[in-house]
PDB file of N, CA and C in Angstrom:
ATOM      1  N   MET A   1     150.179  40.739  73.390  1.00  0.00           N
ATOM      2  CA  MET A   1     151.002  41.083  74.532  1.00  0.00           C
ATOM      3  C   MET A   1     151.456  42.542  74.451  1.00  0.00           C
ATOM      4  N   ILE A   2     151.763  42.978  73.240  1.00  0.00           N
ATOM      5  CA  ILE A   2     152.162  44.374  73.058  1.00  0.00           C
ATOM      6  C   ILE A   2     150.997  45.307  73.410  1.00  0.00           C
ATOM      7  N   ASP A   3     149.788  44.893  73.077  1.00  0.00           N
ATOM      8  CA  ASP A   3     148.610  45.706  73.410  1.00  0.00           C
ATOM      9  C   ASP A   3     148.451  45.867  74.918  1.00  0.00           C
ATOM     10  N   PHE A   4     148.793  44.823  75.661  1.00  0.00           N
ATOM     11  CA  PHE A   4     148.703  44.894  77.118  1.00  0.00           C
ATOM     12  C   PHE A   4     149.643  45.971  77.656  1.00  0.00           C
ATOM     13  N   PHE A   5     150.885  45.976  77.174  1.00  0.00           N
ATOM     14  CA  PHE A   5     151.851  46.973  77.653  1.00  0.00           C
ATOM     15  C   PHE A   5     151.475  48.375  77.187  1.00  0.00           C
ATOM     16  N   HIS A   6     150.912  48.467  76.008  1.00  0.00           N
ATOM     17  CA  HIS A   6     150.460  49.772  75.514  1.00  0.00           C
ATOM     18  C   HIS A   6     149.311  50.298  76.382  1.00  0.00           C
ATOM     19  N   ASP A   7     148.359  49.446  76.699  1.00  0.00           N
ATOM     20  CA  ASP A   7     147.250  49.843  77.568  1.00  0.00           C
ATOM     21  C   ASP A   7     147.728  50.168  78.975  1.00  0.00           C
ATOM     22  N   LEU A   8     148.673  49.384  79.477  1.00  0.00           N
ATOM     23  CA  LEU A   8     149.217  49.634  80.813  1.00  0.00           C
ATOM     24  C   LEU A   8     149.920  50.980  80.865  1.00  0.00           C
ATOM     25  N   TRP A   9     150.719  51.281  79.847  1.00  0.00           N
ATOM     26  CA  TRP A   9     151.410  52.571  79.812  1.00  0.00           C
ATOM     27  C   TRP A   9     150.402  53.717  79.699  1.00  0.00           C
ATOM     28  N   GLY A  10     149.343  53.527  78.911  1.00  0.00           N
ATOM     29  CA  GLY A  10     148.304  54.548  78.809  1.00  0.00           C
ATOM     30  C   GLY A  10     147.623  54.788  80.140  1.00  0.00           C
ATOM     31  N   TYR A  11     147.367  53.707  80.901  1.00  0.00           N
ATOM     32  CA  TYR A  11     146.761  53.845  82.225  1.00  0.00           C
ATOM     33  C   TYR A  11     147.687  54.607  83.168  1.00  0.00           C
ATOM     34  N   ILE A  12     148.974  54.238  83.172  1.00  0.00           N
ATOM     35  CA  ILE A  12     149.930  54.897  84.064  1.00  0.00           C
ATOM     36  C   ILE A  12     150.056  56.374  83.703  1.00  0.00           C
ATOM     37  N   LYS A  13     150.101  56.676  82.424  1.00  0.00           N
ATOM     38  CA  LYS A  13     150.257  58.056  81.980  1.00  0.00           C
ATOM     39  C   LYS A  13     149.007  58.889  82.268  1.00  0.00           C
ATOM     40  N   GLN A  14     147.836  58.326  82.037  1.00  0.00           N
ATOM     41  CA  GLN A  14     146.598  59.073  82.231  1.00  0.00           C
ATOM     42  C   GLN A  14     146.295  59.303  83.706  1.00  0.00           C
ATOM     43  N   ARG A  15     146.520  58.301  84.537  1.00  0.00           N
ATOM     44  CA  ARG A  15     146.190  58.402  85.956  1.00  0.00           C
ATOM     45  C   ARG A  15     147.322  58.992  86.801  1.00  0.00           C
ATOM     46  N   LYS A  16     148.450  59.317  86.165  1.00  0.00           N
ATOM     47  CA  LYS A  16     149.619  59.890  86.851  1.00  0.00           C
ATOM     48  C   LYS A  16     150.133  58.968  87.964  1.00  0.00           C
ATOM     49  N   LYS A  17     150.201  57.685  87.647  1.00  0.00           N
ATOM     50  CA  LYS A  17     150.689  56.705  88.620  1.00  0.00           C
ATOM     51  C   LYS A  17     152.073  56.211  88.202  1.00  0.00           C
ATOM     52  N   PHE A  18     152.994  57.149  88.061  1.00  0.00           N
ATOM     53  CA  PHE A  18     154.334  56.795  87.614  1.00  0.00           C
ATOM     54  C   PHE A  18     155.103  55.998  88.672  1.00  0.00           C
ATOM     55  N   TRP A  19     154.622  55.993  89.903  1.00  0.00           N
ATOM     56  CA  TRP A  19     155.269  55.204  90.942  1.00  0.00           C
ATOM     57  C   TRP A  19     155.099  53.715  90.693  1.00  0.00           C
ATOM     58  N   LEU A  20     154.158  53.328  89.826  1.00  0.00           N
ATOM     59  CA  LEU A  20     153.974  51.911  89.507  1.00  0.00           C
ATOM     60  C   LEU A  20     155.087  51.362  88.610  1.00  0.00           C
ATOM     61  N   THR A  21     155.740  52.230  87.852  1.00  0.00           N
ATOM     62  CA  THR A  21     156.739  51.784  86.888  1.00  0.00           C
ATOM     63  C   THR A  21     157.889  51.023  87.546  1.00  0.00           C
ATOM     64  N   PRO A  22     158.537  51.543  88.598  1.00  0.00           N
ATOM     65  CA  PRO A  22     159.619  50.770  89.207  1.00  0.00           C
ATOM     66  C   PRO A  22     159.144  49.448  89.812  1.00  0.00           C
ATOM     67  N   LEU A  23     157.930  49.442  90.367  1.00  0.00           N
ATOM     68  CA  LEU A  23     157.400  48.199  90.930  1.00  0.00           C
ATOM     69  C   LEU A  23     157.210  47.145  89.843  1.00  0.00           C
ATOM     70  N   LEU A  24     156.675  47.549  88.705  1.00  0.00           N
ATOM     71  CA  LEU A  24     156.473  46.613  87.611  1.00  0.00           C
ATOM     72  C   LEU A  24     157.797  46.116  87.042  1.00  0.00           C
ATOM     73  N   LEU A  25     158.780  47.001  86.954  1.00  0.00           N
ATOM     74  CA  LEU A  25     160.094  46.586  86.462  1.00  0.00           C
ATOM     75  C   LEU A  25     160.757  45.581  87.401  1.00  0.00           C
ATOM     76  N   ILE A  26     160.615  45.782  88.692  1.00  0.00           N
ATOM     77  CA  ILE A  26     161.176  44.843  89.664  1.00  0.00           C
ATOM     78  C   ILE A  26     160.485  43.487  89.556  1.00  0.00           C
ATOM     79  N   LEU A  27     159.162  43.496  89.400  1.00  0.00           N
ATOM     80  CA  LEU A  27     158.440  42.232  89.247  1.00  0.00           C
ATOM     81  C   LEU A  27     158.858  41.493  87.988  1.00  0.00           C
ATOM     82  N   VAL A  28     159.031  42.206  86.889  1.00  0.00           N
ATOM     83  CA  VAL A  28     159.471  41.577  85.642  1.00  0.00           C
ATOM     84  C   VAL A  28     160.880  41.021  85.798  1.00  0.00           C
ATOM     85  N   PHE A  29     161.757  41.783  86.431  1.00  0.00           N
ATOM     86  CA  PHE A  29     163.131  41.338  86.634  1.00  0.00           C
ATOM     87  C   PHE A  29     163.183  40.078  87.506  1.00  0.00           C
ATOM     88  N   CYS A  30     162.414  40.042  88.577  1.00  0.00           N
ATOM     89  CA  CYS A  30     162.381  38.852  89.436  1.00  0.00           C
ATOM     90  C   CYS A  30     161.811  37.652  88.688  1.00  0.00           C
ATOM     91  N   GLY A  31     160.808  37.874  87.876  1.00  0.00           N
ATOM     92  CA  GLY A  31     160.252  36.794  87.069  1.00  0.00           C
ATOM     93  C   GLY A  31     161.256  36.244  86.076  1.00  0.00           C
ATOM     94  N   LEU A  32     162.024  37.124  85.449  1.00  0.00           N
ATOM     95  CA  LEU A  32     163.052  36.667  84.510  1.00  0.00           C
ATOM     96  C   LEU A  32     164.141  35.873  85.221  1.00  0.00           C
ATOM     97  N   ILE A  33     164.520  36.292  86.407  1.00  0.00           N
ATOM     98  CA  ILE A  33     165.520  35.546  87.175  1.00  0.00           C
ATOM     99  C   ILE A  33     164.994  34.151  87.501  1.00  0.00           C
ATOM    100  N   LEU A  34     163.731  34.060  87.895  1.00  0.00           N
ATOM    101  CA  LEU A  34     163.165  32.751  88.211  1.00  0.00           C
ATOM    102  C   LEU A  34     163.080  31.856  86.982  1.00  0.00           C
ATOM    103  N   ILE A  35     162.701  32.416  85.852  1.00  0.00           N
ATOM    104  CA  ILE A  35     162.567  31.611  84.637  1.00  0.00           C
ATOM    105  C   ILE A  35     163.921  31.146  84.127  1.00  0.00           C
ATOM    106  N   PHE A  36     164.846  32.079  83.982  1.00  0.00           N
ATOM    107  CA  PHE A  36     166.152  31.718  83.418  1.00  0.00           C
ATOM    108  C   PHE A  36     167.053  31.036  84.437  1.00  0.00           C
ATOM    109  N   GLY A  37     166.868  31.339  85.705  1.00  0.00           N
ATOM    110  CA  GLY A  37     167.703  30.729  86.731  1.00  0.00           C
ATOM    111  C   GLY A  37     167.395  29.265  86.956  1.00  0.00           C
ATOM    112  N   ALA A  38     166.174  28.869  86.726  1.00  0.00           N
ATOM    113  CA  ALA A  38     165.788  27.475  86.948  1.00  0.00           C
ATOM    114  C   ALA A  38     166.133  26.586  85.764  1.00  0.00           C
ATOM    115  N   SER A  39     166.320  27.175  84.583  1.00  0.00           N
ATOM    116  CA  SER A  39     166.480  26.350  83.392  1.00  0.00           C
ATOM    117  C   SER A  39     167.867  26.413  82.769  1.00  0.00           C
ATOM    118  N   THR A  40     168.795  27.137  83.352  1.00  0.00           N
ATOM    119  CA  THR A  40     170.120  27.245  82.748  1.00  0.00           C
ATOM    120  C   THR A  40     171.192  26.829  83.746  1.00  0.00           C
ATOM    121  N   GLY A  41     172.418  26.852  83.276  1.00  0.00           N
ATOM    122  CA  GLY A  41     173.545  26.547  84.141  1.00  0.00           C
ATOM    123  C   GLY A  41     173.937  27.697  85.034  1.00  0.00           C
ATOM    124  N   LEU A  42     173.210  28.785  84.965  1.00  0.00           N
ATOM    125  CA  LEU A  42     173.520  29.956  85.790  1.00  0.00           C
ATOM    126  C   LEU A  42     172.960  29.870  87.204  1.00  0.00           C
ATOM    127  N   SER A  43     172.129  28.882  87.461  1.00  0.00           N
ATOM    128  CA  SER A  43     171.465  28.830  88.759  1.00  0.00           C
ATOM    129  C   SER A  43     172.420  28.777  89.952  1.00  0.00           C
ATOM    130  N   PRO A  44     173.564  28.081  89.915  1.00  0.00           N
ATOM    131  CA  PRO A  44     174.444  28.149  91.090  1.00  0.00           C
ATOM    132  C   PRO A  44     174.979  29.549  91.357  1.00  0.00           C
ATOM    133  N   PHE A  45     175.184  30.326  90.295  1.00  0.00           N
ATOM    134  CA  PHE A  45     175.693  31.677  90.471  1.00  0.00           C
ATOM    135  C   PHE A  45     174.607  32.641  90.932  1.00  0.00           C
ATOM    136  N   ILE A  46     173.393  32.460  90.428  1.00  0.00           N
ATOM    137  CA  ILE A  46     172.292  33.338  90.824  1.00  0.00           C
ATOM    138  C   ILE A  46     171.911  33.093  92.278  1.00  0.00           C
ATOM    139  N   TYR A  47     171.809  31.839  92.676  1.00  0.00           N
ATOM    140  CA  TYR A  47     171.363  31.549  94.029  1.00  0.00           C
ATOM    141  C   TYR A  47     172.444  31.769  95.074  1.00  0.00           C
ATOM    142  N   SER A  48     173.704  31.861  94.645  1.00  0.00           N
ATOM    143  CA  SER A  48     174.754  32.182  95.617  1.00  0.00           C
ATOM    144  C   SER A  48     174.720  33.660  95.996  1.00  0.00           C
ATOM    145  N   ILE A  49     174.128  34.502  95.139  1.00  0.00           N
ATOM    146  CA  ILE A  49     174.004  35.927  95.435  1.00  0.00           C
ATOM    147  C   ILE A  49     173.012  36.143  96.564  1.00  0.00           C
ATOM    148  N   PHE A  50     171.917  35.395  96.541  1.00  0.00           N
ATOM    149  CA  PHE A  50     170.877  35.555  97.553  1.00  0.00           C
ATOM    150  C   PHE A  50     171.210  34.675  98.695  1.00  0.00           C
TER     151      PHE A  50
END
Protein backbone atom coordinates (compact mmCIF):
# COMPACT_ATOMS: atom_id res chain seq x y z
CA MET A 1 0.00 0.00 0.00
CA ILE A 2 2.89 2.33 0.76
CA ASP A 3 4.31 1.59 -2.69
CA PHE A 4 1.04 2.70 -4.26
CA PHE A 5 1.20 6.10 -2.54
CA HIS A 6 4.88 6.44 -3.39
CA ASP A 7 4.17 5.72 -7.06
CA LEU A 8 1.17 8.06 -7.04
CA TRP A 9 3.23 10.89 -5.57
CA GLY A 10 5.96 10.24 -8.16
CA TYR A 11 3.36 10.44 -10.94
CA ILE A 12 1.91 13.69 -9.58
CA LYS A 13 5.36 15.22 -9.15
CA GLN A 14 6.69 14.14 -12.55
CA ARG A 15 3.61 15.11 -14.57
CA LYS A 16 3.07 18.39 -12.64
CA LYS A 17 -0.50 17.43 -11.76
CA PHE A 18 -0.57 18.97 -8.31
CA TRP A 19 -4.26 19.79 -8.77
CA LEU A 20 -4.96 16.09 -8.18
CA THR A 21 -3.77 16.28 -4.56
CA PRO A 22 -6.81 18.10 -3.09
CA LEU A 23 -9.17 15.84 -5.05
CA LEU A 24 -7.49 12.72 -3.69
CA LEU A 25 -7.52 14.09 -0.14
CA ILE A 26 -11.25 14.83 -0.38
CA LEU A 27 -11.93 11.31 -1.67
CA VAL A 28 -9.92 9.77 1.18
CA PHE A 29 -11.68 11.97 3.73
CA CYS A 30 -15.14 11.03 2.41
CA GLY A 31 -14.18 7.36 2.44
CA LEU A 32 -13.03 7.60 6.05
CA ILE A 33 -16.30 9.27 7.04
CA LEU A 34 -18.26 6.48 5.39
CA ILE A 35 -16.20 3.74 7.02
CA PHE A 36 -16.08 5.16 10.53
CA GLY A 37 -19.52 6.74 10.41
CA ALA A 38 -21.28 3.47 9.65
CA SER A 39 -19.52 1.43 12.33
CA THR A 40 -19.35 3.71 15.37
CA GLY A 41 -21.64 5.63 17.66
CA LEU A 42 -20.70 8.82 15.85
CA SER A 43 -23.12 8.25 12.99
CA PRO A 44 -25.98 10.36 14.44
CA PHE A 45 -23.60 13.30 14.78
CA ILE A 46 -22.00 12.87 11.35
CA TYR A 47 -25.28 12.52 9.49
CA SER A 48 -26.86 15.47 11.27
CA ILE A 49 -24.19 17.70 9.70
CA PHE A 50 -25.24 16.73 6.18
